[in-house]
């Protein structure tokens, strides 16, 4: 059974490689379909996969072709060099009576081993340079999306084009019961999309140029989708960009590929490519959801209401760093249990969540969380001020106070 699966994976990889050859480029859609079937439509890598993921964009096709071209050139050089070497060793061995030649230099050989490698390098560099230049051309994009890396999730803001104004946080959706912990086996069977599934997917229309602007709140991350041939670092304080234009609808998966801390393996990226009509419907639905979630900042909440809502916000956004106990991670993330910020004036804590805190009265590595709504910020602050051993004098924060602090 194991060998049958490996043989199936090998045949799949060979079919994908064949689909990447320019002369057979028309068969790529079929290859992607077969790939999707083989992975159960997950859009992720195949078990025992031997080659790159099937390309889903023009740039990815070019990268795939360049990969194969370089492999063929390296193979040809290997065969030529070692073929000549072994031929010379075999045909001119001492047992046949050959004697070593005694010459000092050869101008022809010197010229040959200078000119030939130069021509090979130029032949490899020209198509590679053309593709790299095309990869960097992010002009005339139909839709611009900002991807913000943070420990350990992604934040997305649709900046331009259809869907402008949409924003959300994308967290890993794989339950911890499938992951387990050191020394403890998982209690639930792992799914086909284990560690490559999220609660909020990036949705884009097919055959539209999508510009992705990357940055980060804390450390360096990297936004990567192999099927799009996109890998762009997200660096705090810098703005980088990349683009893709998906040729096929479907789900495409990637990960943060820059080591960013202990939860680095839990930062998947999922892009769902849909038709133009489906995208328009998604935009309408998403904007309605955002409007429904945008609570009236003038509403006055009770302490219990804020604590209940705040616990959910904390579990979704804060628990990875500050832990469920509020103790944080010594030397890395501050403890909220007994924190002078949490137990001090509420204005200081509101300021930390809105603007981050890397210097000043309470220096830390805390990034800004101003993408959260006024109600969410008020709720999570109220929750922390009334949890664990904290007994803050100012133990409740209303959304209106957060709104006022934004101005």
Protein backbone atom coordinates (compact mmCIF):
# COMPACT_ATOMS: atom_id res chain seq x y z
CA UNK A 1 0.00 0.00 0.00
CA UNK A 2 2.83 2.39 0.93
CA UNK A 3 4.69 1.67 -2.31
CA UNK A 4 1.49 2.15 -4.30
CA UNK A 5 1.03 5.60 -2.77
CA UNK A 6 4.65 6.50 -3.46
CA UNK A 7 4.30 5.33 -7.06
CA UNK A 8 1.14 7.44 -7.42
CA UNK A 9 2.97 10.47 -6.00
CA UNK A 10 5.89 9.84 -8.37
CA UNK A 11 3.60 9.67 -11.39
CA UNK A 12 1.85 12.85 -10.24
CA UNK A 13 5.17 14.67 -9.90
CA UNK A 14 6.24 13.51 -13.37
CA UNK A 15 2.96 14.69 -14.89
CA UNK A 16 3.37 18.07 -13.18
CA UNK A 17 6.92 18.36 -14.50
CA UNK A 18 5.72 17.55 -17.99
CA UNK A 19 3.04 20.24 -17.70
CA UNK A 20 5.72 22.84 -16.96
CA UNK A 21 7.51 22.42 -20.32
CA UNK A 22 6.67 25.40 -22.55
CA UNK A 23 5.55 23.26 -25.48
CA UNK A 24 2.98 21.60 -23.29
CA UNK A 25 1.89 24.71 -21.38
CA UNK A 26 -1.68 24.28 -22.65
CA UNK A 27 -1.99 21.15 -20.52
CA UNK A 28 -1.22 22.97 -17.26
CA UNK A 29 -4.88 23.49 -16.36
CA UNK A 30 -5.40 19.74 -16.59
CA UNK A 31 -2.31 19.20 -14.46
CA UNK A 32 -3.64 21.56 -11.81
CA UNK A 33 -6.98 19.76 -11.87
CA UNK A 34 -5.29 16.39 -11.42
CA UNK A 35 -3.15 17.88 -8.67
CA UNK A 36 -6.23 19.21 -6.92
CA UNK A 37 -7.90 15.80 -7.14
CA UNK A 38 -4.82 14.06 -5.78
CA UNK A 39 -4.72 16.34 -2.75
CA UNK A 40 -8.44 16.23 -2.11
CA UNK A 41 -8.71 19.85 -3.22
CA UNK A 42 -6.57 21.07 -0.33
CA UNK A 43 -4.26 23.17 -2.53
CA UNK A 44 -1.25 22.13 -0.46
CA UNK A 45 1.77 19.93 -1.09
CA UNK A 46 1.41 16.24 -1.94
CA UNK A 47 2.76 13.51 0.32
CA UNK A 48 6.14 12.35 -1.07
CA UNK A 49 6.00 15.14 -3.66
CA UNK A 50 9.18 15.17 -5.75
CA UNK A 51 8.87 18.47 -7.56
CA UNK A 52 7.57 22.01 -7.21
CA UNK A 53 3.86 22.68 -6.81
CA UNK A 54 1.94 23.10 -10.08
CA UNK A 55 2.20 26.73 -11.25
CA UNK A 56 -0.98 28.80 -11.12
CA UNK A 57 0.33 32.08 -12.56
CA UNK A 58 2.34 33.12 -15.61
CA UNK A 59 5.31 34.05 -13.43
CA UNK A 60 5.12 30.69 -11.67
CA UNK A 61 5.20 28.98 -15.08
CA UNK A 62 8.34 30.92 -15.97
CA UNK A 63 9.97 30.09 -12.64
CA UNK A 64 9.10 26.43 -13.11
CA UNK A 65 10.52 26.44 -16.63
CA UNK A 66 13.68 28.19 -15.43
CA UNK A 67 14.05 25.60 -12.69
CA UNK A 68 13.88 22.79 -15.26
CA UNK A 69 16.16 24.64 -17.70
CA UNK A 70 18.86 25.12 -15.05
CA UNK A 71 18.57 21.47 -14.06
CA UNK A 72 19.01 20.37 -17.69
CA UNK A 73 22.02 22.66 -18.13
CA UNK A 74 23.61 21.36 -14.92
CA UNK A 75 22.92 17.79 -16.03
CA UNK A 76 24.50 18.44 -19.45
CA UNK A 77 27.58 19.99 -17.82
CA UNK A 78 27.84 17.06 -15.41
CA UNK A 79 27.63 14.50 -18.23
CA UNK A 80 30.11 16.40 -20.44
CA UNK A 81 32.73 17.04 -17.76
CA UNK A 82 32.63 13.65 -16.10
CA UNK A 83 32.23 11.90 -19.47
CA UNK A 84 35.46 13.46 -20.76
CA UNK A 85 37.21 12.78 -17.46
CA UNK A 86 36.24 9.10 -17.29
CA UNK A 87 36.91 8.61 -21.01
CA UNK A 88 40.40 10.07 -20.57
CA UNK A 89 41.10 7.94 -17.51
CA UNK A 90 39.91 4.76 -19.24
CA UNK A 91 41.47 5.28 -22.69
CA UNK A 92 44.79 6.68 -21.50
CA UNK A 93 45.50 4.45 -18.55
CA UNK A 94 49.01 3.22 -17.84
CA UNK A 95 48.10 -0.45 -18.42
CA UNK A 96 47.62 0.33 -22.13
CA UNK A 97 51.12 1.75 -22.36
CA UNK A 98 50.22 5.43 -22.32
CA UNK A 99 52.70 7.84 -20.78
CA UNK A 100 51.77 11.18 -19.21
CA UNK A 101 52.16 14.19 -21.46
CA UNK A 102 54.55 16.92 -20.37
CA UNK A 103 53.27 20.33 -21.39
CA UNK A 104 53.18 23.57 -19.46
CA UNK A 105 50.15 25.39 -20.81
CA UNK A 106 47.61 25.51 -23.64
CA UNK A 107 46.27 28.81 -24.91
CA UNK A 108 43.34 27.07 -26.60
CA UNK A 109 42.30 25.36 -23.37
CA UNK A 110 42.65 28.61 -21.40
CA UNK A 111 40.38 30.41 -23.88
CA UNK A 112 37.88 27.56 -24.02
CA UNK A 113 37.38 27.23 -20.27
CA UNK A 114 36.92 31.00 -20.02
CA UNK A 115 34.62 31.60 -22.97
CA UNK A 116 32.39 28.53 -22.66
CA UNK A 117 31.42 29.09 -18.98
CA UNK A 118 30.86 32.79 -19.75
CA UNK A 119 28.44 31.92 -22.54
CA UNK A 120 26.68 29.39 -20.32
CA UNK A 121 26.24 31.96 -17.53
CA UNK A 122 24.91 34.56 -19.99
CA UNK A 123 22.53 31.99 -21.45
CA UNK A 124 21.21 31.26 -17.95
CA UNK A 125 21.13 34.87 -16.76
CA UNK A 126 19.12 36.38 -19.63
CA UNK A 127 15.85 34.46 -19.13
CA UNK A 128 16.25 34.59 -15.34
CA UNK A 129 16.70 38.38 -15.40
CA UNK A 130 13.64 38.80 -17.61
CA UNK A 131 11.52 36.85 -15.11
CA UNK A 132 12.92 38.66 -12.07
CA UNK A 133 12.16 42.05 -13.66
CA UNK A 134 8.60 40.89 -14.40
CA UNK A 135 8.21 39.70 -10.80
CA UNK A 136 9.03 43.19 -9.54
CA UNK A 137 6.59 45.02 -11.81
CA UNK A 138 3.65 45.68 -9.48
CA UNK A 139 2.21 48.53 -11.54
CA UNK A 140 -1.39 48.68 -12.82
CA UNK A 141 -2.74 46.31 -10.20
CA UNK A 142 -6.49 45.68 -10.12
CA UNK A 143 -6.55 45.10 -6.36
CA UNK A 144 -4.00 46.04 -3.67
CA UNK A 145 -3.91 44.09 -0.40
CA UNK A 146 -1.66 44.84 2.57
CA UNK A 147 -0.44 41.76 4.45
CA UNK A 148 0.87 42.49 7.94
CA UNK A 149 2.83 39.76 9.68
CA UNK A 150 2.58 39.50 13.45
CA UNK A 151 3.40 36.84 15.99
CA UNK A 152 1.76 34.57 14.94
CA UNK A 153 -0.96 35.51 12.49
CA UNK A 154 -1.58 37.67 9.42
CA UNK A 155 -3.59 40.86 9.15
CA UNK A 156 -5.08 41.84 5.77
CA UNK A 157 -6.29 45.21 4.54
CA UNK A 158 -7.82 45.66 1.07
CA UNK A 159 -6.40 49.06 0.13
CA UNK A 160 -7.45 49.62 -3.50
CA UNK A 161 -9.82 48.15 -6.04
CA UNK A 162 -13.00 46.19 -5.50
CA UNK A 163 -13.24 45.31 -1.83
CA UNK A 164 -11.45 48.45 -0.63
CA UNK A 165 -11.96 48.92 3.11
CA UNK A 166 -12.19 45.22 3.98
CA UNK A 167 -9.82 44.14 6.74
CA UNK A 168 -9.50 41.08 8.95
CA UNK A 169 -7.11 38.95 10.98
CA UNK A 170 -6.27 35.46 9.70
CA UNK A 171 -5.40 32.84 12.33
CA UNK A 172 -4.52 29.19 11.98
CA UNK A 173 -7.65 27.03 12.15
CA UNK A 174 -6.03 23.72 13.07
CA UNK A 175 -7.15 22.86 16.63
CA UNK A 176 -4.52 22.26 19.28
CA UNK A 177 -5.99 18.81 19.84
CA UNK A 178 -4.47 17.82 16.47
CA UNK A 179 -1.12 19.41 17.26
CA UNK A 180 -0.38 17.98 20.68
CA UNK A 181 2.49 19.27 22.79
CA UNK A 182 6.01 18.14 23.78
CA UNK A 183 5.67 14.68 25.23
CA UNK A 184 1.90 14.62 24.66
CA UNK A 185 0.39 12.97 21.56
CA UNK A 186 -2.45 14.68 19.69
CA UNK A 187 -5.91 13.58 20.79
CA UNK A 188 -7.60 14.14 17.44
CA UNK A 189 -6.84 12.75 13.99
CA UNK A 190 -4.99 15.23 11.82
CA UNK A 191 -6.85 16.55 8.78
CA UNK A 192 -5.56 16.80 5.20
CA UNK A 193 -5.06 20.54 5.75
CA UNK A 194 -3.19 20.14 9.03
CA UNK A 195 -1.31 23.39 9.81
CA UNK A 196 -2.23 24.91 6.42
CA UNK A 197 -5.78 26.07 7.18
CA UNK A 198 -7.04 29.42 8.46
CA UNK A 199 -10.24 30.92 9.84
CA UNK A 200 -10.24 33.86 7.37
CA UNK A 201 -9.00 33.21 3.84
CA UNK A 202 -7.75 35.88 1.45
CA UNK A 203 -10.26 35.95 -1.41
CA UNK A 204 -9.34 37.34 -4.84
CA UNK A 205 -10.86 37.16 -8.33
CA UNK A 206 -9.32 35.02 -11.08
CA UNK A 207 -7.36 36.67 -13.91
CA UNK A 208 -6.93 39.93 -11.98
CA UNK A 209 -3.56 41.42 -11.06
CA UNK A 210 -3.26 41.41 -7.27
CA UNK A 211 -0.60 43.53 -5.61
CA UNK A 212 0.41 42.37 -2.13
CA UNK A 213 2.08 44.98 0.10
CA UNK A 214 3.92 43.38 3.00
CA UNK A 215 5.07 44.73 6.35
CA UNK A 216 5.25 43.47 9.94
CA UNK A 217 4.39 44.60 13.45
CA UNK A 218 7.16 42.87 15.36
CA UNK A 219 9.82 40.69 13.68
CA UNK A 220 10.59 39.68 10.10
CA UNK A 221 8.02 37.38 8.49
CA UNK A 222 7.68 36.22 4.89
CA UNK A 223 4.47 35.95 2.83
CA UNK A 224 4.78 32.94 0.54
CA UNK A 225 2.51 31.07 -1.87
CA UNK A 226 4.54 28.48 -3.86
CA UNK A 227 1.92 28.02 -6.60
CA UNK A 228 2.09 31.77 -7.34
CA UNK A 229 5.91 31.92 -7.14
CA UNK A 230 5.49 34.68 -4.54
CA UNK A 231 7.87 34.99 -1.60
CA UNK A 232 8.13 38.45 -0.10
CA UNK A 233 9.63 39.33 3.27
CA UNK A 234 7.50 41.39 5.68
CA UNK A 235 9.87 43.66 7.62
CA UNK A 236 8.93 45.98 10.51
CA UNK A 237 9.20 49.60 9.46
CA UNK A 238 9.51 48.74 5.75
CA UNK A 239 7.03 48.25 2.94
CA UNK A 240 7.75 45.60 0.28
CA UNK A 241 5.46 44.41 -2.49
CA UNK A 242 4.85 41.52 -4.86
CA UNK A 243 2.07 40.53 -7.23
CA UNK A 244 0.28 37.59 -8.75
CA UNK A 245 -2.42 36.93 -11.32
CA UNK A 246 -4.00 33.54 -10.76
CA UNK A 247 -5.06 31.72 -13.93
CA UNK A 248 -7.26 29.14 -12.23
CA UNK A 249 -9.87 29.24 -9.50
CA UNK A 250 -9.18 27.17 -6.42
CA UNK A 251 -7.47 27.25 -3.04
CA UNK A 252 -3.74 27.90 -2.77
CA UNK A 253 -1.80 27.51 0.45
CA UNK A 254 1.48 28.77 1.83
CA UNK A 255 3.23 29.67 5.07
CA UNK A 256 5.41 32.24 6.72
CA UNK A 257 8.86 31.04 5.63
CA UNK A 258 11.00 33.35 7.76
CA UNK A 259 11.78 31.98 11.22
CA UNK A 260 9.83 34.34 13.49
CA UNK A 261 9.59 32.67 16.89
CA UNK A 262 8.26 29.62 18.67
CA UNK A 263 4.90 29.62 16.81
CA UNK A 264 6.54 30.05 13.39
CA UNK A 265 4.98 26.82 12.14
CA UNK A 266 1.51 28.16 12.93
CA UNK A 267 1.31 31.05 10.43
CA UNK A 268 -0.33 29.55 7.33
CA UNK A 269 -1.54 31.60 4.37
CA UNK A 270 -4.59 30.60 2.34
CA UNK A 271 -5.69 32.37 -0.84
CA UNK A 272 -9.00 31.42 -2.41
CA UNK A 273 -9.29 32.38 -6.09
CA UNK A 274 -12.89 32.72 -7.29
CA UNK A 275 -14.78 33.99 -10.32
CA UNK A 276 -15.52 37.70 -10.69
CA UNK A 277 -19.17 37.14 -9.76
CA UNK A 278 -18.27 35.10 -6.67
CA UNK A 279 -15.77 37.75 -5.62
CA UNK A 280 -18.35 40.53 -5.86
CA UNK A 281 -20.73 38.46 -3.73
CA UNK A 282 -17.95 37.84 -1.19
CA UNK A 283 -17.16 41.57 -0.99
CA UNK A 284 -20.81 42.41 -0.32
CA UNK A 285 -21.07 39.71 2.33
CA UNK A 286 -17.81 40.72 4.01
CA UNK A 287 -18.76 44.39 4.18
CA UNK A 288 -22.11 43.50 5.73
CA UNK A 289 -20.33 41.35 8.31
CA UNK A 290 -17.95 44.19 9.12
CA UNK A 291 -20.84 46.62 9.47
CA UNK A 292 -22.61 44.21 11.82
CA UNK A 293 -19.47 43.85 13.93
CA UNK A 294 -18.88 47.59 14.09
CA UNK A 295 -20.63 48.24 17.39
CA UNK A 296 -21.81 51.72 18.25
CA UNK A 297 -18.89 53.21 20.23
CA UNK A 298 -21.37 55.25 22.25
CA UNK A 299 -23.02 52.14 23.64
CA UNK A 300 -22.39 51.64 27.35
CA UNK A 301 -21.54 48.04 28.25
CA UNK A 302 -21.79 46.33 31.60
CA UNK A 303 -18.70 44.92 33.27
CA UNK A 304 -19.84 41.32 32.73
CA UNK A 305 -20.59 41.96 29.03
CA UNK A 306 -17.14 43.42 28.46
CA UNK A 307 -15.42 40.61 30.36
CA UNK A 308 -17.25 37.93 28.34
CA UNK A 309 -16.45 39.58 25.02
CA UNK A 310 -12.92 40.43 26.16
CA UNK A 311 -12.14 36.80 26.95
CA UNK A 312 -12.96 35.84 23.35
CA UNK A 313 -10.81 38.67 21.98
CA UNK A 314 -7.96 37.67 24.28
CA UNK A 315 -8.15 34.00 23.26
CA UNK A 316 -8.10 34.90 19.56
CA UNK A 317 -5.40 37.56 19.56
CA UNK A 318 -3.37 37.61 22.77
CA UNK A 319 -3.06 34.12 24.25
CA UNK A 320 -0.17 33.02 22.00
CA UNK A 321 2.17 35.60 23.57
CA UNK A 322 0.71 36.31 27.02
CA UNK A 323 -0.59 32.76 27.62
CA UNK A 324 -3.96 31.73 29.03
CA UNK A 325 -2.62 32.30 32.56
CA UNK A 326 -1.57 35.86 31.76
CA UNK A 327 1.99 35.02 32.83
CA UNK A 328 3.51 35.64 29.40
CA UNK A 329 6.85 34.12 28.41
CA UNK A 330 9.76 35.19 30.63
CA UNK A 331 12.33 37.13 28.66
CA UNK A 332 10.09 37.37 25.61
CA UNK A 333 6.53 38.50 26.37
CA UNK A 334 5.45 40.52 29.38
CA UNK A 335 3.22 39.08 32.08
CA UNK A 336 -0.20 40.72 32.30
CA UNK A 337 -0.85 39.17 35.71
CA UNK A 338 0.34 41.84 38.14
CA UNK A 339 1.48 44.14 35.33
CA UNK A 340 1.88 47.83 36.30
CA UNK A 341 0.28 48.75 32.96
CA UNK A 342 -2.79 46.59 33.54
CA UNK A 343 -3.19 47.70 37.15
CA UNK A 344 -2.32 51.34 36.48
CA UNK A 345 -4.24 54.16 34.76
CA UNK A 346 -6.40 52.76 31.97
CA UNK A 347 -5.27 55.51 29.59
CA UNK A 348 -1.78 53.96 29.56
CA UNK A 349 -3.11 50.54 28.59
CA UNK A 350 -5.35 51.99 25.89
CA UNK A 351 -2.32 53.82 24.48
CA UNK A 352 -0.27 50.60 24.42
CA UNK A 353 -2.92 48.72 22.43
CA UNK A 354 -3.44 51.58 19.97
CA UNK A 355 0.18 52.56 19.40
CA UNK A 356 2.34 49.73 20.70
CA UNK A 357 4.98 50.21 23.34
CA UNK A 358 8.69 50.00 22.52
CA UNK A 359 9.87 52.94 24.60
CA UNK A 360 8.63 55.38 27.18
CA UNK A 361 6.97 54.67 30.49
CA UNK A 362 6.52 50.89 30.04
CA UNK A 363 8.94 49.71 27.27
CA UNK A 364 8.18 46.32 25.68
CA UNK A 365 7.94 44.64 22.26
CA UNK A 366 4.17 45.11 22.17
CA UNK A 367 3.02 45.96 18.61
CA UNK A 368 0.00 48.20 17.96
CA UNK A 369 -3.38 46.47 17.77
CA UNK A 370 -5.35 49.40 16.33
CA UNK A 371 -6.89 47.12 13.69
CA UNK A 372 -9.20 45.82 16.41
CA UNK A 373 -12.49 47.66 16.86
CA UNK A 374 -13.04 50.14 19.69
CA UNK A 375 -15.34 47.62 21.36
CA UNK A 376 -12.81 44.78 21.08
CA UNK A 377 -10.03 46.90 22.59
CA UNK A 378 -12.26 48.11 25.41
CA UNK A 379 -13.41 44.55 26.10
CA UNK A 380 -9.96 42.95 26.17
CA UNK A 381 -8.58 45.69 28.43
CA UNK A 382 -11.50 45.25 30.80
CA UNK A 383 -10.97 41.47 30.76
CA UNK A 384 -7.27 41.73 31.66
CA UNK A 385 -7.97 44.25 34.43
CA UNK A 386 -10.40 41.85 36.08
CA UNK A 387 -8.59 38.54 35.57
CA UNK A 388 -5.98 36.50 37.43
CA UNK A 389 -4.68 38.47 40.44
CA UNK A 390 -5.28 41.88 38.89
CA UNK A 391 -7.37 44.33 40.90
CA UNK A 392 -7.16 47.57 38.94
CA UNK A 393 -8.86 50.60 40.45
CA UNK A 394 -10.06 51.64 37.01
CA UNK A 395 -11.45 48.23 36.13
CA UNK A 396 -13.74 49.03 33.18
CA UNK A 397 -13.12 50.67 29.80
CA UNK A 398 -15.92 51.73 27.46
CA UNK A 399 -15.60 51.82 23.62
CA UNK A 400 -16.10 55.60 23.65
CA UNK A 401 -12.88 55.99 25.66
CA UNK A 402 -10.94 54.04 23.04
CA UNK A 403 -12.51 56.09 20.23
CA UNK A 404 -11.49 59.31 22.00
CA UNK A 405 -7.91 58.03 22.40
CA UNK A 406 -7.64 57.36 18.65
CA UNK A 407 -8.10 61.06 17.86
